[in-house]
Structures are given as structure tokens and as C-alpha cells.
N, C-alpha and C. Protein backbone atom coordinates (compact mmCIF):
# COMPACT_ATOMS: atom_id res chain seq x y z
N MET A 1 117.65 38.29 239.71
CA MET A 1 117.53 37.90 238.30
C MET A 1 118.92 37.60 237.74
N PRO A 2 119.03 36.73 236.73
CA PRO A 2 120.34 36.36 236.18
C PRO A 2 120.96 37.51 235.40
N PRO A 3 122.26 37.41 235.10
CA PRO A 3 122.90 38.46 234.30
C PRO A 3 122.29 38.54 232.91
N THR A 4 122.34 39.72 232.33
CA THR A 4 121.86 39.87 230.95
C THR A 4 122.83 39.19 230.00
N LEU A 5 122.39 38.98 228.78
CA LEU A 5 123.27 38.36 227.78
C LEU A 5 124.51 39.21 227.55
N ASP A 6 124.34 40.53 227.59
CA ASP A 6 125.48 41.42 227.39
C ASP A 6 126.47 41.31 228.55
N GLN A 7 125.96 41.28 229.78
CA GLN A 7 126.83 41.12 230.94
C GLN A 7 127.57 39.78 230.89
N GLN A 8 126.84 38.73 230.54
CA GLN A 8 127.44 37.41 230.46
C GLN A 8 128.52 37.36 229.39
N ALA A 9 128.25 38.00 228.25
CA ALA A 9 129.22 38.01 227.15
C ALA A 9 130.51 38.72 227.55
N LYS A 10 130.38 39.82 228.29
CA LYS A 10 131.56 40.57 228.72
C LYS A 10 132.39 39.75 229.71
N LEU A 11 131.72 39.04 230.60
CA LEU A 11 132.43 38.22 231.57
C LEU A 11 133.11 37.03 230.88
N LEU A 12 132.43 36.45 229.92
CA LEU A 12 133.01 35.33 229.18
C LEU A 12 134.24 35.79 228.40
N ALA A 13 134.15 36.98 227.81
CA ALA A 13 135.30 37.52 227.06
C ALA A 13 136.47 37.77 227.99
N SER A 14 136.19 38.27 229.19
CA SER A 14 137.25 38.52 230.17
C SER A 14 137.91 37.21 230.58
N PHE A 15 137.10 36.19 230.84
CA PHE A 15 137.63 34.87 231.19
C PHE A 15 138.50 34.31 230.07
N GLU A 16 138.02 34.38 228.85
CA GLU A 16 138.74 33.80 227.72
C GLU A 16 140.04 34.56 227.43
N SER A 17 140.07 35.85 227.79
CA SER A 17 141.30 36.62 227.59
C SER A 17 142.42 36.16 228.52
N GLN A 18 142.05 35.51 229.63
CA GLN A 18 143.03 35.04 230.61
C GLN A 18 143.19 33.52 230.61
N THR A 19 142.41 32.83 229.76
CA THR A 19 142.41 31.36 229.79
C THR A 19 143.81 30.77 229.62
N HIS A 20 144.57 31.32 228.69
CA HIS A 20 145.90 30.78 228.42
C HIS A 20 146.79 30.88 229.67
N GLU A 21 146.79 32.04 230.31
CA GLU A 21 147.62 32.23 231.50
C GLU A 21 147.13 31.39 232.67
N ILE A 22 145.81 31.28 232.82
CA ILE A 22 145.26 30.45 233.89
C ILE A 22 145.67 28.99 233.69
N GLU A 23 145.60 28.53 232.45
CA GLU A 23 145.94 27.14 232.17
C GLU A 23 147.43 26.87 232.41
N ILE A 24 148.28 27.84 232.09
CA ILE A 24 149.71 27.68 232.36
C ILE A 24 149.96 27.53 233.86
N PHE A 25 149.32 28.38 234.66
CA PHE A 25 149.50 28.30 236.11
C PHE A 25 148.97 26.98 236.64
N MET A 26 147.78 26.57 236.17
CA MET A 26 147.21 25.30 236.60
C MET A 26 148.15 24.13 236.27
N SER A 27 148.73 24.14 235.07
CA SER A 27 149.63 23.07 234.67
C SER A 27 150.88 23.03 235.55
N ALA A 28 151.35 24.22 235.95
CA ALA A 28 152.52 24.28 236.84
C ALA A 28 152.20 23.71 238.21
N VAL A 29 150.98 24.02 238.71
CA VAL A 29 150.56 23.48 240.02
C VAL A 29 150.47 21.96 239.94
N ARG A 30 149.84 21.46 238.88
CA ARG A 30 149.72 20.01 238.73
C ARG A 30 151.10 19.34 238.63
N LYS A 31 151.99 19.93 237.84
CA LYS A 31 153.31 19.33 237.68
C LYS A 31 154.06 19.29 239.00
N TRP A 32 153.87 20.31 239.85
CA TRP A 32 154.54 20.32 241.15
C TRP A 32 154.15 19.10 241.96
N PHE A 33 152.86 18.76 241.97
CA PHE A 33 152.42 17.57 242.68
C PHE A 33 152.88 16.29 241.97
N ASP A 34 152.75 16.27 240.65
CA ASP A 34 153.07 15.06 239.88
C ASP A 34 154.53 14.65 240.04
N THR A 35 155.42 15.62 240.21
CA THR A 35 156.85 15.32 240.22
C THR A 35 157.51 15.52 241.59
N HIS A 36 156.70 15.73 242.62
CA HIS A 36 157.27 16.04 243.93
C HIS A 36 158.07 14.85 244.46
N PRO A 37 159.36 15.03 244.74
CA PRO A 37 160.19 13.88 245.12
C PRO A 37 159.81 13.23 246.43
N ARG A 38 159.29 13.99 247.39
CA ARG A 38 158.94 13.40 248.68
C ARG A 38 157.52 12.83 248.70
N LEU A 39 156.68 13.29 247.79
CA LEU A 39 155.28 12.84 247.79
C LEU A 39 155.00 11.77 246.74
N ARG A 40 155.91 11.59 245.76
CA ARG A 40 155.63 10.65 244.67
C ARG A 40 156.70 9.59 244.46
N SER A 41 157.82 9.64 245.17
CA SER A 41 158.97 8.82 244.78
C SER A 41 158.95 7.41 245.34
N ARG A 42 158.26 7.17 246.46
CA ARG A 42 158.35 5.86 247.11
C ARG A 42 157.17 4.98 246.74
N ARG A 43 157.31 3.67 247.05
CA ARG A 43 156.22 2.74 246.76
C ARG A 43 154.97 3.10 247.54
N ASP A 44 155.16 3.62 248.77
CA ASP A 44 154.03 4.03 249.60
C ASP A 44 153.88 5.56 249.57
N ALA A 45 154.14 6.17 248.41
CA ALA A 45 154.09 7.63 248.27
C ALA A 45 152.74 8.17 248.70
N ALA A 46 152.76 9.38 249.29
CA ALA A 46 151.52 9.97 249.82
C ALA A 46 150.50 10.24 248.72
N ILE A 47 150.96 10.67 247.54
CA ILE A 47 150.04 11.00 246.45
C ILE A 47 149.84 9.77 245.56
N HIS A 48 148.59 9.43 245.33
CA HIS A 48 148.26 8.33 244.42
C HIS A 48 148.19 8.82 242.99
N SER A 49 147.47 9.91 242.75
CA SER A 49 147.30 10.44 241.40
C SER A 49 146.86 11.89 241.47
N VAL A 50 146.96 12.57 240.34
CA VAL A 50 146.62 13.99 240.25
C VAL A 50 145.80 14.23 239.00
N LYS A 51 144.75 15.04 239.14
CA LYS A 51 143.91 15.43 238.01
C LYS A 51 143.89 16.95 237.90
N SER A 52 143.52 17.47 236.75
CA SER A 52 143.34 18.91 236.61
C SER A 52 142.23 19.18 235.60
N ARG A 53 141.61 20.36 235.73
CA ARG A 53 140.58 20.75 234.78
C ARG A 53 140.44 22.27 234.76
N LEU A 54 140.12 22.79 233.58
CA LEU A 54 139.83 24.20 233.39
C LEU A 54 138.36 24.32 233.03
N LYS A 55 137.64 25.24 233.65
CA LYS A 55 136.21 25.38 233.35
C LYS A 55 136.00 25.69 231.88
N ASP A 56 135.03 25.02 231.28
CA ASP A 56 134.69 25.33 229.89
C ASP A 56 133.63 26.43 229.86
N ARG A 57 133.26 26.87 228.68
CA ARG A 57 132.33 27.99 228.52
C ARG A 57 131.00 27.70 229.19
N GLU A 58 130.47 26.49 229.00
CA GLU A 58 129.16 26.14 229.54
C GLU A 58 129.15 26.20 231.07
N HIS A 59 130.16 25.58 231.69
CA HIS A 59 130.20 25.57 233.14
C HIS A 59 130.55 26.95 233.71
N PHE A 60 131.31 27.73 232.95
CA PHE A 60 131.59 29.10 233.38
C PHE A 60 130.29 29.90 233.46
N CYS A 61 129.47 29.81 232.42
CA CYS A 61 128.22 30.57 232.40
C CYS A 61 127.27 30.09 233.50
N GLU A 62 127.25 28.77 233.76
CA GLU A 62 126.42 28.24 234.84
C GLU A 62 126.89 28.79 236.19
N LYS A 63 128.20 28.86 236.37
CA LYS A 63 128.76 29.36 237.62
C LYS A 63 128.41 30.84 237.82
N ILE A 64 128.51 31.63 236.77
CA ILE A 64 128.16 33.04 236.85
C ILE A 64 126.69 33.20 237.26
N GLY A 65 125.83 32.37 236.66
CA GLY A 65 124.41 32.43 237.00
C GLY A 65 124.14 32.11 238.45
N ARG A 66 124.87 31.12 239.02
CA ARG A 66 124.67 30.73 240.41
C ARG A 66 125.21 31.77 241.38
N LYS A 67 126.30 32.43 241.00
CA LYS A 67 126.94 33.39 241.90
C LYS A 67 126.42 34.82 241.73
N TRP A 68 125.57 35.03 240.74
CA TRP A 68 125.14 36.39 240.42
C TRP A 68 124.33 37.01 241.56
N ASP A 69 124.63 38.26 241.85
CA ASP A 69 123.94 39.02 242.89
C ASP A 69 123.70 40.43 242.34
N ASP A 70 122.43 40.79 242.14
CA ASP A 70 122.13 42.11 241.58
C ASP A 70 122.67 43.23 242.46
N GLY A 71 122.73 42.98 243.77
CA GLY A 71 123.21 44.02 244.67
C GLY A 71 124.72 44.19 244.63
N ASN A 72 125.42 43.16 244.18
CA ASN A 72 126.88 43.21 244.09
C ASN A 72 127.31 42.41 242.86
N PRO A 73 127.05 42.95 241.67
CA PRO A 73 127.22 42.18 240.43
C PRO A 73 128.69 41.84 240.15
N ILE A 74 128.85 40.74 239.45
CA ILE A 74 130.17 40.35 238.97
C ILE A 74 130.50 41.18 237.73
N THR A 75 131.70 41.73 237.70
CA THR A 75 132.14 42.54 236.58
C THR A 75 133.48 42.01 236.08
N PRO A 76 133.93 42.43 234.89
CA PRO A 76 135.27 42.03 234.45
C PRO A 76 136.36 42.44 235.43
N ASP A 77 136.13 43.50 236.21
CA ASP A 77 137.14 43.97 237.16
C ASP A 77 137.26 43.08 238.40
N ASN A 78 136.13 42.49 238.83
CA ASN A 78 136.19 41.66 240.05
C ASN A 78 136.02 40.16 239.78
N LEU A 79 135.88 39.80 238.51
CA LEU A 79 135.59 38.41 238.14
C LEU A 79 136.54 37.42 238.79
N PHE A 80 137.86 37.70 238.70
CA PHE A 80 138.84 36.72 239.15
C PHE A 80 139.06 36.72 240.66
N ARG A 81 138.36 37.62 241.36
CA ARG A 81 138.34 37.59 242.83
C ARG A 81 137.08 36.89 243.34
N VAL A 82 136.02 36.97 242.55
CA VAL A 82 134.74 36.36 242.95
C VAL A 82 134.70 34.88 242.56
N ILE A 83 135.13 34.57 241.35
CA ILE A 83 135.13 33.20 240.86
C ILE A 83 136.55 32.67 240.94
N THR A 84 136.80 31.79 241.89
CA THR A 84 138.17 31.37 242.18
C THR A 84 138.45 29.91 241.80
N ASP A 85 137.47 29.25 241.18
CA ASP A 85 137.70 27.84 240.83
C ASP A 85 137.67 27.62 239.32
N LEU A 86 138.12 28.62 238.57
CA LEU A 86 138.17 28.48 237.11
C LEU A 86 139.17 27.40 236.71
N ALA A 87 140.23 27.26 237.50
CA ALA A 87 141.19 26.17 237.30
C ALA A 87 141.20 25.32 238.56
N GLY A 88 141.30 24.01 238.37
CA GLY A 88 141.30 23.12 239.52
C GLY A 88 142.29 21.99 239.37
N VAL A 89 142.97 21.66 240.47
CA VAL A 89 143.86 20.50 240.53
C VAL A 89 143.38 19.64 241.68
N ARG A 90 143.19 18.36 241.41
CA ARG A 90 142.71 17.44 242.45
C ARG A 90 143.80 16.42 242.76
N VAL A 91 144.14 16.34 244.04
CA VAL A 91 145.20 15.45 244.50
C VAL A 91 144.55 14.32 245.28
N LEU A 92 144.81 13.09 244.85
CA LEU A 92 144.18 11.92 245.47
C LEU A 92 145.22 11.10 246.23
N HIS A 93 144.82 10.65 247.42
CA HIS A 93 145.69 9.79 248.22
C HIS A 93 144.89 8.60 248.73
N LEU A 94 145.58 7.55 249.16
CA LEU A 94 144.91 6.30 249.52
C LEU A 94 144.20 6.38 250.86
N TYR A 95 144.85 6.94 251.88
CA TYR A 95 144.25 6.92 253.22
C TYR A 95 144.53 8.24 253.93
N GLN A 96 143.72 8.51 254.96
CA GLN A 96 143.68 9.84 255.54
C GLN A 96 145.01 10.29 256.13
N GLU A 97 145.73 9.39 256.77
CA GLU A 97 146.97 9.79 257.44
C GLU A 97 148.00 10.36 256.47
N GLN A 98 147.89 10.01 255.18
CA GLN A 98 148.82 10.56 254.19
C GLN A 98 148.61 12.06 253.98
N PHE A 99 147.42 12.53 254.34
CA PHE A 99 147.12 13.94 254.11
C PHE A 99 148.10 14.86 254.83
N ALA A 100 148.55 14.48 256.01
CA ALA A 100 149.42 15.35 256.80
C ALA A 100 150.68 15.72 256.03
N ALA A 101 151.27 14.75 255.32
CA ALA A 101 152.48 15.02 254.53
C ALA A 101 152.17 15.95 253.36
N ILE A 102 151.03 15.73 252.71
CA ILE A 102 150.64 16.58 251.57
C ILE A 102 150.41 18.01 252.04
N HIS A 103 149.68 18.15 253.14
CA HIS A 103 149.39 19.48 253.69
C HIS A 103 150.69 20.20 254.08
N ARG A 104 151.59 19.49 254.69
CA ARG A 104 152.85 20.10 255.12
C ARG A 104 153.63 20.63 253.93
N GLU A 105 153.69 19.88 252.84
CA GLU A 105 154.43 20.32 251.67
C GLU A 105 153.75 21.52 251.00
N ILE A 106 152.43 21.53 250.96
CA ILE A 106 151.71 22.67 250.39
C ILE A 106 152.01 23.94 251.20
N MET A 107 151.92 23.83 252.51
CA MET A 107 152.14 25.01 253.35
C MET A 107 153.59 25.48 253.30
N ASP A 108 154.54 24.55 253.15
CA ASP A 108 155.94 24.95 252.98
C ASP A 108 156.12 25.69 251.66
N LYS A 109 155.43 25.25 250.64
CA LYS A 109 155.48 25.92 249.33
C LYS A 109 154.99 27.36 249.45
N ILE A 110 154.01 27.56 250.32
CA ILE A 110 153.41 28.89 250.51
C ILE A 110 154.23 29.74 251.48
N ASN A 111 154.55 29.18 252.64
CA ASN A 111 155.14 29.97 253.72
C ASN A 111 156.66 30.05 253.70
N ILE A 112 157.31 29.02 253.18
CA ILE A 112 158.77 29.00 253.19
C ILE A 112 159.33 29.36 251.81
N ALA A 113 158.96 28.58 250.79
CA ALA A 113 159.43 28.89 249.43
C ALA A 113 158.77 30.16 248.89
N LYS A 114 157.54 30.43 249.37
CA LYS A 114 156.76 31.60 248.93
C LYS A 114 156.53 31.62 247.42
N ASP A 115 156.35 30.43 246.86
CA ASP A 115 156.06 30.31 245.43
C ASP A 115 154.58 30.51 245.11
N TRP A 116 153.73 30.29 246.12
CA TRP A 116 152.30 30.51 245.98
C TRP A 116 151.83 31.43 247.09
N ALA A 117 150.70 32.10 246.84
CA ALA A 117 150.05 32.91 247.87
C ALA A 117 148.66 32.34 248.10
N LEU A 118 148.29 32.16 249.36
CA LEU A 118 146.95 31.67 249.70
C LEU A 118 145.93 32.79 249.52
N ASP A 119 144.84 32.49 248.82
CA ASP A 119 143.77 33.48 248.66
C ASP A 119 142.92 33.58 249.92
N GLU A 120 142.84 32.47 250.65
CA GLU A 120 142.13 32.40 251.93
C GLU A 120 142.67 31.18 252.67
N PRO A 121 142.44 31.07 253.98
CA PRO A 121 142.95 29.89 254.69
C PRO A 121 142.38 28.59 254.12
N PRO A 122 143.15 27.52 254.14
CA PRO A 122 142.62 26.24 253.67
C PRO A 122 141.41 25.81 254.50
N LYS A 123 140.52 25.08 253.85
CA LYS A 123 139.30 24.65 254.55
C LYS A 123 139.03 23.18 254.24
N ALA A 124 138.67 22.44 255.28
CA ALA A 124 138.26 21.04 255.12
C ALA A 124 136.74 20.97 255.20
N TYR A 125 136.15 20.28 254.25
CA TYR A 125 134.71 20.03 254.24
C TYR A 125 134.50 18.57 254.63
N SER A 126 133.66 18.33 255.60
CA SER A 126 133.44 16.97 256.06
C SER A 126 132.08 16.87 256.73
N TRP A 127 131.64 15.65 256.96
CA TRP A 127 130.41 15.40 257.72
C TRP A 127 130.72 14.54 258.96
N ASP A 128 131.96 14.09 259.04
CA ASP A 128 132.36 13.06 260.01
C ASP A 128 133.10 13.69 261.19
N PRO A 129 132.61 13.53 262.42
CA PRO A 129 133.28 14.09 263.60
C PRO A 129 134.72 13.64 263.76
N GLU A 130 135.01 12.38 263.43
CA GLU A 130 136.40 11.90 263.55
C GLU A 130 137.30 12.61 262.55
N SER A 131 136.82 12.80 261.34
CA SER A 131 137.59 13.53 260.34
C SER A 131 137.78 14.98 260.76
N ARG A 132 136.73 15.55 261.35
CA ARG A 132 136.84 16.93 261.82
C ARG A 132 137.97 17.07 262.82
N ALA A 133 138.05 16.14 263.77
CA ALA A 133 139.12 16.19 264.77
C ALA A 133 140.49 16.05 264.11
N PHE A 134 140.60 15.18 263.12
CA PHE A 134 141.87 14.97 262.42
C PHE A 134 142.32 16.26 261.74
N PHE A 135 141.42 16.93 261.02
CA PHE A 135 141.79 18.15 260.30
C PHE A 135 142.09 19.30 261.26
N GLU A 136 141.36 19.36 262.35
CA GLU A 136 141.63 20.43 263.33
C GLU A 136 143.02 20.28 263.93
N LYS A 137 143.51 19.04 264.05
CA LYS A 137 144.88 18.83 264.54
C LYS A 137 145.91 19.38 263.56
N GLN A 138 145.52 19.50 262.28
CA GLN A 138 146.39 20.09 261.27
C GLN A 138 146.22 21.61 261.20
N SER A 139 145.44 22.17 262.14
CA SER A 139 145.15 23.62 262.17
C SER A 139 144.40 24.08 260.93
N ILE A 140 143.47 23.25 260.49
CA ILE A 140 142.66 23.57 259.32
C ILE A 140 141.22 23.79 259.78
N ASP A 141 140.61 24.88 259.33
CA ASP A 141 139.20 25.13 259.62
C ASP A 141 138.35 24.06 258.97
N VAL A 142 137.31 23.63 259.67
CA VAL A 142 136.44 22.56 259.16
C VAL A 142 135.02 23.08 259.04
N GLU A 143 134.40 22.79 257.91
CA GLU A 143 132.99 23.12 257.71
C GLU A 143 132.22 21.82 257.51
N ILE A 144 131.23 21.59 258.36
CA ILE A 144 130.41 20.39 258.24
C ILE A 144 129.40 20.57 257.12
N LYS A 145 129.37 19.62 256.20
CA LYS A 145 128.47 19.69 255.04
C LYS A 145 127.35 18.68 255.19
N GLU A 146 126.12 19.17 255.22
CA GLU A 146 124.98 18.27 255.30
C GLU A 146 124.87 17.39 254.06
N SER A 147 125.46 17.85 252.97
CA SER A 147 125.42 17.08 251.73
C SER A 147 126.34 15.86 251.78
N PHE A 148 127.19 15.76 252.83
CA PHE A 148 128.18 14.69 253.01
C PHE A 148 129.40 14.87 252.10
N TYR A 149 129.54 16.03 251.49
CA TYR A 149 130.73 16.33 250.68
C TYR A 149 131.96 16.35 251.58
N THR A 150 133.05 15.75 251.09
CA THR A 150 134.29 15.68 251.87
C THR A 150 135.48 15.99 250.97
N SER A 151 136.26 17.00 251.36
CA SER A 151 137.46 17.35 250.62
C SER A 151 138.15 18.49 251.37
N VAL A 152 139.43 18.70 251.10
CA VAL A 152 140.14 19.85 251.62
C VAL A 152 140.47 20.77 250.46
N HIS A 153 140.17 22.06 250.62
CA HIS A 153 140.36 23.02 249.54
C HIS A 153 141.42 24.06 249.89
N TYR A 154 142.26 24.37 248.92
CA TYR A 154 143.21 25.47 248.99
C TYR A 154 143.01 26.33 247.74
N LEU A 155 143.05 27.64 247.90
CA LEU A 155 143.02 28.56 246.76
C LEU A 155 144.37 29.24 246.70
N VAL A 156 145.11 29.00 245.63
CA VAL A 156 146.47 29.55 245.54
C VAL A 156 146.60 30.42 244.29
N ARG A 157 147.42 31.45 244.43
CA ARG A 157 147.77 32.35 243.33
C ARG A 157 149.30 32.40 243.24
N PRO A 158 149.85 32.74 242.07
CA PRO A 158 151.30 32.86 241.98
C PRO A 158 151.84 34.00 242.85
N ARG A 159 151.00 35.00 243.09
CA ARG A 159 151.31 36.08 244.04
C ARG A 159 149.98 36.68 244.48
N ALA A 160 149.98 37.39 245.58
CA ALA A 160 148.72 37.83 246.18
C ALA A 160 147.90 38.72 245.26
N ASP A 161 148.54 39.54 244.42
CA ASP A 161 147.79 40.48 243.58
C ASP A 161 147.51 39.94 242.18
N SER A 162 147.80 38.66 241.94
CA SER A 162 147.59 38.09 240.61
C SER A 162 146.12 37.75 240.38
N PRO A 163 145.63 37.94 239.14
CA PRO A 163 144.26 37.50 238.82
C PRO A 163 144.17 35.98 238.66
N LEU A 164 145.29 35.31 238.54
CA LEU A 164 145.31 33.86 238.33
C LEU A 164 145.10 33.13 239.64
N CYS A 165 144.20 32.16 239.64
CA CYS A 165 143.92 31.40 240.85
C CYS A 165 143.67 29.95 240.49
N CYS A 166 144.13 29.05 241.32
CA CYS A 166 143.90 27.62 241.11
C CYS A 166 143.37 27.03 242.41
N GLU A 167 142.28 26.30 242.30
CA GLU A 167 141.73 25.59 243.47
C GLU A 167 142.36 24.21 243.54
N ILE A 168 142.97 23.91 244.67
CA ILE A 168 143.53 22.58 244.91
C ILE A 168 142.58 21.83 245.83
N GLN A 169 142.16 20.66 245.41
CA GLN A 169 141.32 19.78 246.24
C GLN A 169 142.14 18.54 246.59
N VAL A 170 142.14 18.19 247.87
CA VAL A 170 142.85 17.00 248.32
C VAL A 170 141.84 16.08 248.99
N ARG A 171 141.81 14.83 248.54
CA ARG A 171 140.85 13.86 249.11
C ARG A 171 141.35 12.44 248.89
N THR A 172 140.74 11.49 249.60
CA THR A 172 141.10 10.09 249.42
C THR A 172 140.41 9.52 248.18
N LEU A 173 140.88 8.37 247.75
CA LEU A 173 140.24 7.71 246.60
C LEU A 173 138.80 7.33 246.91
N PHE A 174 138.53 6.89 248.14
CA PHE A 174 137.15 6.59 248.53
C PHE A 174 136.28 7.85 248.40
N GLU A 175 136.78 8.98 248.88
CA GLU A 175 136.02 10.24 248.80
C GLU A 175 135.83 10.68 247.36
N GLU A 176 136.79 10.36 246.52
CA GLU A 176 136.68 10.70 245.10
C GLU A 176 135.53 9.93 244.45
N ILE A 177 135.36 8.66 244.82
CA ILE A 177 134.24 7.88 244.27
C ILE A 177 132.92 8.54 244.62
N TRP A 178 132.75 8.90 245.92
CA TRP A 178 131.51 9.56 246.33
C TRP A 178 131.34 10.88 245.58
N GLY A 179 132.41 11.66 245.45
CA GLY A 179 132.33 12.95 244.80
C GLY A 179 131.93 12.84 243.34
N GLU A 180 132.43 11.82 242.66
CA GLU A 180 132.08 11.65 241.24
C GLU A 180 130.61 11.28 241.08
N VAL A 181 130.11 10.41 241.95
CA VAL A 181 128.69 10.05 241.89
C VAL A 181 127.82 11.27 242.20
N ASP A 182 128.18 12.00 243.26
CA ASP A 182 127.43 13.20 243.64
C ASP A 182 127.43 14.24 242.53
N HIS A 183 128.57 14.40 241.85
CA HIS A 183 128.68 15.40 240.79
C HIS A 183 127.72 15.10 239.65
N ILE A 184 127.63 13.83 239.29
CA ILE A 184 126.72 13.44 238.20
C ILE A 184 125.27 13.70 238.59
N LEU A 185 124.93 13.39 239.85
CA LEU A 185 123.53 13.52 240.28
C LEU A 185 123.13 14.95 240.62
N ASN A 186 124.05 15.74 241.13
CA ASN A 186 123.67 17.03 241.74
C ASN A 186 124.29 18.27 241.10
N TYR A 187 125.00 18.12 240.00
CA TYR A 187 125.64 19.29 239.39
C TYR A 187 125.25 19.39 237.92
N PRO A 188 124.83 20.55 237.45
CA PRO A 188 124.70 21.82 238.18
C PRO A 188 123.37 21.97 238.95
N LYS A 189 122.44 21.03 238.78
CA LYS A 189 121.15 21.11 239.45
C LYS A 189 121.00 19.93 240.39
N GLU A 190 120.55 20.20 241.62
CA GLU A 190 120.42 19.14 242.60
C GLU A 190 119.35 18.13 242.21
N CYS A 191 119.66 16.87 242.46
CA CYS A 191 118.70 15.79 242.20
C CYS A 191 117.55 15.88 243.20
N GLU A 192 116.33 15.76 242.70
CA GLU A 192 115.15 15.85 243.56
C GLU A 192 114.63 14.47 243.95
N GLU A 193 115.25 13.42 243.45
CA GLU A 193 114.83 12.06 243.75
C GLU A 193 115.25 11.70 245.18
N VAL A 194 114.28 11.52 246.05
CA VAL A 194 114.57 11.28 247.47
C VAL A 194 115.40 10.01 247.66
N ALA A 195 115.07 8.96 246.91
CA ALA A 195 115.79 7.69 247.07
C ALA A 195 117.27 7.87 246.73
N CYS A 196 117.58 8.61 245.67
CA CYS A 196 118.98 8.83 245.28
C CYS A 196 119.72 9.63 246.35
N ARG A 197 119.05 10.61 246.94
CA ARG A 197 119.69 11.42 247.96
C ARG A 197 120.00 10.58 249.20
N GLU A 198 119.07 9.71 249.57
CA GLU A 198 119.31 8.83 250.71
C GLU A 198 120.41 7.83 250.43
N GLN A 199 120.44 7.32 249.20
CA GLN A 199 121.48 6.37 248.83
C GLN A 199 122.86 7.02 248.84
N LEU A 200 122.92 8.30 248.46
CA LEU A 200 124.18 9.03 248.52
C LEU A 200 124.68 9.15 249.96
N ARG A 201 123.75 9.34 250.90
CA ARG A 201 124.14 9.42 252.30
C ARG A 201 124.69 8.08 252.79
N VAL A 202 124.05 6.98 252.37
CA VAL A 202 124.55 5.65 252.73
C VAL A 202 125.94 5.44 252.14
N LEU A 203 126.11 5.85 250.87
CA LEU A 203 127.41 5.71 250.22
C LEU A 203 128.48 6.50 250.97
N ALA A 204 128.13 7.69 251.44
CA ALA A 204 129.09 8.50 252.20
C ALA A 204 129.55 7.77 253.46
N LYS A 205 128.62 7.11 254.14
CA LYS A 205 128.98 6.37 255.35
C LYS A 205 129.86 5.16 255.02
N LEU A 206 129.58 4.50 253.89
CA LEU A 206 130.44 3.39 253.46
C LEU A 206 131.83 3.90 253.12
N VAL A 207 131.90 5.07 252.48
CA VAL A 207 133.18 5.67 252.15
C VAL A 207 133.97 5.97 253.43
N GLY A 208 133.28 6.53 254.43
CA GLY A 208 133.95 6.81 255.70
C GLY A 208 134.49 5.56 256.35
N ALA A 209 133.68 4.50 256.34
CA ALA A 209 134.12 3.23 256.93
C ALA A 209 135.28 2.65 256.14
N GLY A 210 135.21 2.74 254.81
CA GLY A 210 136.29 2.22 253.97
C GLY A 210 137.58 2.98 254.21
N SER A 211 137.50 4.28 254.34
CA SER A 211 138.69 5.09 254.59
C SER A 211 139.34 4.71 255.92
N ARG A 212 138.53 4.50 256.95
CA ARG A 212 139.07 4.12 258.26
C ARG A 212 139.73 2.73 258.20
N LEU A 213 139.12 1.83 257.44
CA LEU A 213 139.68 0.49 257.31
C LEU A 213 141.04 0.54 256.61
N VAL A 214 141.15 1.35 255.55
CA VAL A 214 142.43 1.47 254.85
C VAL A 214 143.48 2.09 255.78
N ASP A 215 143.08 3.10 256.57
CA ASP A 215 144.00 3.67 257.56
C ASP A 215 144.51 2.57 258.50
N SER A 216 143.60 1.72 258.97
CA SER A 216 143.98 0.65 259.89
C SER A 216 144.92 -0.34 259.23
N VAL A 217 144.65 -0.69 257.98
CA VAL A 217 145.51 -1.63 257.24
C VAL A 217 146.93 -1.08 257.17
N PHE A 218 147.06 0.18 256.82
CA PHE A 218 148.41 0.74 256.66
C PHE A 218 149.10 1.01 257.99
N ARG A 219 148.34 1.28 259.04
CA ARG A 219 148.98 1.40 260.35
C ARG A 219 149.59 0.07 260.75
N THR A 220 148.85 -1.02 260.50
CA THR A 220 149.38 -2.36 260.80
C THR A 220 150.59 -2.69 259.95
N TRP A 221 150.49 -2.39 258.66
CA TRP A 221 151.59 -2.68 257.72
C TRP A 221 152.83 -1.88 258.07
N ASN A 222 152.65 -0.60 258.40
CA ASN A 222 153.80 0.25 258.74
C ASN A 222 154.46 -0.19 260.03
N ALA A 223 153.63 -0.66 260.99
CA ALA A 223 154.18 -1.12 262.28
C ALA A 223 155.03 -2.37 262.07
N ARG A 224 154.60 -3.27 261.19
CA ARG A 224 155.36 -4.51 260.95
C ARG A 224 156.61 -4.23 260.14
N ALA A 225 156.55 -3.17 259.31
CA ALA A 225 157.70 -2.86 258.45
C ALA A 225 158.84 -2.23 259.24
N LYS A 226 158.57 -1.74 260.45
CA LYS A 226 159.63 -1.08 261.25
C LYS A 226 160.53 -2.10 261.92
């Protein structure tokens, strides 16, 4: 059964008490990507654009309802360990091969500079065997999604014991198009229209083909530029 109104109100109050600090951390994460000299400075920079968002009250309450478990309820004490996507930064790049540079800089930020702490190992979500092989070469765990969702997720905190957490999503522009369409149709409630679900699968395959074509274009362009 869903949380009671009193339980929901307490969780919402706890979230809102930390909203300012969460937003500050999220803005710092976004600025790091936006101004990164190696990822943004060149004409063929790895990062195309960066987005950010903080969950609003409505989506927060929806998330609590979906994650609620009577056997292990969410409380103000464990809220920020259970719900880790209250803040999100999305990093978009043109083609898949650019991901390696982005991933390397993120991991250096965590392991060398130690400015962020990983809440869990990064994970790639994909449906495509070729993409799976690519991400595994980066030593990233891959989860195959029947929904055709594709993105790489990192959960970072300013330090391991901090309640503040920001979800970083990295994906191509083609994958972003699919994700935006899927979000409208399937969030917060999945679309039951069979035709739309099948069309989303076709769109995912077109996105995969488009991403491979862009990779090929830039491999050719880079080879001629040398």
C-alpha cells in the first residue's frame, strides 16, 4: 500500500529542507561539465550540451509512491540513500566514441582529484549488443533494458557520507531524442497503447543506426584530418 499522507508529508518536508543544498551541488556538477577545458574547448569537443533538473514536489511524491515498500519503508533518515535521483545532470554528446573521453574525465574527478564520491559503480543501460561491447571495454557494467532505454548513469556525492547526491546521465543526441519521446509516453505511467510501444522500439533501432552512422562519419573525418 502507498505511504500515508502523514508519511508523505514528513518525507516531503525532509526533501525541501535539503533542496537548497542539493541544488547548489547539482549546479556545481553541471558547471564542471559546462566549463571543462578538455571536453568543451575545441570545435569537435566531446560534450555537445548539458542539462540539469531538480525534482519538483509532484514528481517527488510520485517517486516515493513507486519506491515505497511496507516491509522497508522510506523514512527521513534513509530518504537520501534510497532516492538518489533528486538532482540530475544530463551530458549529451554527438557520437558514441566521444563517451570514452567523458568517462575518463569523470573517473579522474572521482579517483584522482577525489572531488566526488561514487555512490555505486557506473552503469550503462542499453539494448544493443554492439553498445554493450563498447561499454564493457570501458569497464562499465551493462544492463540490457527490454524497454530499449539507453544511457550511462553515475551517482555522485561531494563525499561518501553526504546526503547530497546527483545523478549524471551521459548519452548521445540520438539517444536523447528517443528518451524524450519515451518519457512523454511512459512516465510516470507506462503507455498501454500497443502501437506506440512498437513504434518506440522501431525508433530505438533507428537511433542505434543513426548513432553508428555518425560514428562512421567522424571516423572518416578524423582520419582525413590527420
